[in-house]
Amino acid sequence: MTHSYVKSPCVMVCNQDENDICTGCFRSGKEIEEWNFYDDDEKRAVLKRTYQRYNAIHHGPGAKPEK
């Protein structure tokens, strides 16, 4: 097993909404379950989606990601 340099976005607030998205880290249930099997590129893609979900929820669809 190789070491991953991409840290999990988990904030220990595990609560799935009606769309199966965690309200703490904004990952889907599948992404949470499979996180440890993803390589770093896949993890970065998940993180990008979590940022998009966060912004869509907190700033509306099409919002530009926060820096």
N, C-alpha and C. Protein backbone atom coordinates (compact mmCIF):
# COMPACT_ATOMS: atom_id res chain seq x y z
N MET A 1 0.85 -1.18 0.00
CA MET A 1 0.00 0.00 0.00
C MET A 1 0.89 1.24 0.00
N THR A 2 0.55 2.17 -0.85
CA THR A 2 1.32 3.40 -0.90
C THR A 2 0.69 4.44 -0.01
N HIS A 3 1.51 5.38 0.43
CA HIS A 3 1.03 6.44 1.31
C HIS A 3 0.28 7.49 0.49
N SER A 4 -0.85 7.93 1.00
CA SER A 4 -1.62 8.97 0.34
C SER A 4 -1.26 10.32 0.95
N TYR A 5 -1.10 11.31 0.10
CA TYR A 5 -0.80 12.65 0.56
C TYR A 5 -2.05 13.53 0.60
N VAL A 6 -3.18 12.98 0.19
CA VAL A 6 -4.43 13.73 0.18
C VAL A 6 -5.20 13.38 1.45
N LYS A 7 -5.42 14.38 2.26
CA LYS A 7 -6.10 14.19 3.54
C LYS A 7 -7.60 14.07 3.36
N SER A 8 -8.21 13.21 4.14
CA SER A 8 -9.66 13.06 4.12
C SER A 8 -10.33 14.36 4.57
N PRO A 9 -11.43 14.73 3.92
CA PRO A 9 -12.15 15.93 4.32
C PRO A 9 -13.08 15.71 5.52
N CYS A 10 -13.07 14.51 6.09
CA CYS A 10 -13.97 14.19 7.20
C CYS A 10 -13.76 15.16 8.36
N VAL A 11 -14.88 15.68 8.88
CA VAL A 11 -14.85 16.58 10.04
C VAL A 11 -15.61 15.98 11.22
N MET A 12 -15.84 14.67 11.14
CA MET A 12 -16.51 13.91 12.21
C MET A 12 -17.94 14.40 12.47
N VAL A 13 -18.60 14.89 11.43
CA VAL A 13 -20.01 15.26 11.50
C VAL A 13 -20.72 14.41 10.44
N CYS A 14 -20.89 13.15 10.75
CA CYS A 14 -21.40 12.20 9.77
C CYS A 14 -22.93 12.18 9.81
N ASN A 15 -23.52 12.81 8.80
CA ASN A 15 -24.97 12.87 8.71
C ASN A 15 -25.34 13.05 7.24
N GLN A 16 -25.91 12.01 6.63
CA GLN A 16 -26.29 12.05 5.22
C GLN A 16 -27.62 12.79 5.06
N ASP A 17 -27.68 13.67 4.06
CA ASP A 17 -28.94 14.34 3.76
C ASP A 17 -29.79 13.46 2.85
N GLU A 18 -30.90 13.99 2.35
CA GLU A 18 -31.80 13.21 1.51
C GLU A 18 -31.20 12.82 0.17
N ASN A 19 -30.09 13.44 -0.20
CA ASN A 19 -29.38 13.12 -1.45
C ASN A 19 -28.15 12.24 -1.21
N ASP A 20 -28.02 11.69 0.01
CA ASP A 20 -26.89 10.84 0.39
C ASP A 20 -25.57 11.61 0.40
N ILE A 21 -25.64 12.90 0.71
CA ILE A 21 -24.44 13.74 0.83
C ILE A 21 -24.23 14.05 2.30
N CYS A 22 -23.01 13.84 2.78
CA CYS A 22 -22.69 14.13 4.17
C CYS A 22 -22.73 15.64 4.40
N THR A 23 -23.43 16.05 5.45
CA THR A 23 -23.54 17.49 5.74
C THR A 23 -22.29 18.04 6.40
N GLY A 24 -21.33 17.17 6.73
CA GLY A 24 -20.07 17.62 7.32
C GLY A 24 -18.98 17.80 6.29
N CYS A 25 -18.77 16.77 5.46
CA CYS A 25 -17.65 16.83 4.49
C CYS A 25 -18.11 16.96 3.04
N PHE A 26 -19.41 16.83 2.79
CA PHE A 26 -20.00 17.00 1.47
C PHE A 26 -19.61 15.91 0.48
N ARG A 27 -19.19 14.74 1.00
CA ARG A 27 -18.96 13.58 0.13
C ARG A 27 -20.24 12.75 0.07
N SER A 28 -20.39 12.00 -1.02
CA SER A 28 -21.51 11.07 -1.11
C SER A 28 -21.20 9.85 -0.25
N GLY A 29 -22.23 9.08 0.04
CA GLY A 29 -22.02 7.85 0.80
C GLY A 29 -21.02 6.94 0.12
N LYS A 30 -21.12 6.81 -1.20
CA LYS A 30 -20.20 5.98 -1.97
C LYS A 30 -18.76 6.50 -1.86
N GLU A 31 -18.60 7.82 -1.97
CA GLU A 31 -17.26 8.41 -1.87
C GLU A 31 -16.66 8.18 -0.49
N ILE A 32 -17.48 8.24 0.54
CA ILE A 32 -16.99 7.97 1.90
C ILE A 32 -16.54 6.52 2.03
N GLU A 33 -17.39 5.61 1.56
CA GLU A 33 -17.09 4.18 1.65
C GLU A 33 -15.83 3.81 0.88
N GLU A 34 -15.61 4.42 -0.27
CA GLU A 34 -14.51 4.02 -1.14
C GLU A 34 -13.25 4.88 -0.99
N TRP A 35 -13.28 5.89 -0.13
CA TRP A 35 -12.16 6.84 0.02
C TRP A 35 -10.81 6.14 0.14
N ASN A 36 -10.70 5.15 1.00
CA ASN A 36 -9.41 4.50 1.25
C ASN A 36 -8.92 3.67 0.07
N PHE A 37 -9.77 3.44 -0.93
CA PHE A 37 -9.37 2.68 -2.10
C PHE A 37 -9.00 3.58 -3.28
N TYR A 38 -9.28 4.87 -3.17
CA TYR A 38 -8.96 5.82 -4.23
C TYR A 38 -7.48 6.16 -4.23
N ASP A 39 -6.94 6.40 -5.44
CA ASP A 39 -5.58 6.94 -5.49
C ASP A 39 -5.68 8.46 -5.29
N ASP A 40 -4.54 9.12 -5.20
CA ASP A 40 -4.55 10.55 -4.90
C ASP A 40 -5.29 11.38 -5.95
N ASP A 41 -5.19 11.01 -7.22
CA ASP A 41 -5.91 11.76 -8.26
C ASP A 41 -7.42 11.62 -8.08
N GLU A 42 -7.87 10.42 -7.75
CA GLU A 42 -9.30 10.21 -7.51
C GLU A 42 -9.76 10.99 -6.28
N LYS A 43 -8.93 11.03 -5.24
CA LYS A 43 -9.27 11.79 -4.04
C LYS A 43 -9.37 13.27 -4.34
N ARG A 44 -8.47 13.79 -5.17
CA ARG A 44 -8.53 15.19 -5.55
C ARG A 44 -9.81 15.49 -6.33
N ALA A 45 -10.23 14.56 -7.17
CA ALA A 45 -11.48 14.73 -7.92
C ALA A 45 -12.67 14.76 -6.96
N VAL A 46 -12.65 13.92 -5.94
CA VAL A 46 -13.71 13.93 -4.93
C VAL A 46 -13.70 15.27 -4.20
N LEU A 47 -12.53 15.74 -3.81
CA LEU A 47 -12.45 17.03 -3.11
C LEU A 47 -13.00 18.16 -3.96
N LYS A 48 -12.73 18.13 -5.25
CA LYS A 48 -13.27 19.15 -6.15
C LYS A 48 -14.79 19.12 -6.12
N ARG A 49 -15.37 17.91 -6.16
CA ARG A 49 -16.83 17.79 -6.09
C ARG A 49 -17.36 18.27 -4.75
N THR A 50 -16.63 18.01 -3.66
CA THR A 50 -17.11 18.47 -2.34
C THR A 50 -17.15 20.00 -2.30
N TYR A 51 -16.17 20.66 -2.88
CA TYR A 51 -16.16 22.13 -2.93
C TYR A 51 -17.35 22.64 -3.74
N GLN A 52 -17.62 21.97 -4.87
CA GLN A 52 -18.76 22.36 -5.71
C GLN A 52 -20.07 22.17 -4.95
N ARG A 53 -20.21 21.06 -4.25
CA ARG A 53 -21.43 20.81 -3.47
C ARG A 53 -21.59 21.85 -2.36
N TYR A 54 -20.51 22.11 -1.65
CA TYR A 54 -20.56 23.11 -0.58
C TYR A 54 -21.04 24.45 -1.13
N ASN A 55 -20.44 24.88 -2.20
CA ASN A 55 -20.79 26.18 -2.78
C ASN A 55 -22.21 26.20 -3.31
N ALA A 56 -22.67 25.11 -3.91
CA ALA A 56 -24.04 25.04 -4.42
C ALA A 56 -25.03 25.15 -3.27
N ILE A 57 -24.73 24.51 -2.15
CA ILE A 57 -25.62 24.53 -0.99
C ILE A 57 -25.60 25.89 -0.31
N HIS A 58 -24.41 26.45 -0.14
CA HIS A 58 -24.28 27.69 0.65
C HIS A 58 -24.34 28.98 -0.17
N HIS A 59 -24.12 28.86 -1.48
CA HIS A 59 -24.07 30.08 -2.30
C HIS A 59 -24.94 29.98 -3.54
N GLY A 60 -25.62 28.89 -3.73
CA GLY A 60 -26.50 28.70 -4.88
C GLY A 60 -25.80 28.04 -6.04
N PRO A 61 -26.57 27.38 -6.90
CA PRO A 61 -26.00 26.71 -8.08
C PRO A 61 -25.22 27.68 -8.95
N GLY A 62 -24.11 27.22 -9.48
CA GLY A 62 -23.30 28.05 -10.36
C GLY A 62 -22.40 29.03 -9.65
N ALA A 63 -22.38 28.99 -8.32
CA ALA A 63 -21.52 29.91 -7.56
C ALA A 63 -20.07 29.57 -7.80
N LYS A 64 -19.25 30.58 -7.83
CA LYS A 64 -17.81 30.35 -8.00
C LYS A 64 -17.23 29.86 -6.68
N PRO A 65 -16.30 28.87 -6.75
CA PRO A 65 -15.70 28.36 -5.53
C PRO A 65 -14.99 29.44 -4.73
N GLU A 66 -15.06 29.32 -3.41
CA GLU A 66 -14.32 30.25 -2.54
C GLU A 66 -12.84 29.95 -2.65
N LYS A 67 -12.03 30.94 -2.52
CA LYS A 67 -10.57 30.76 -2.57
C LYS A 67 -10.04 30.49 -1.19
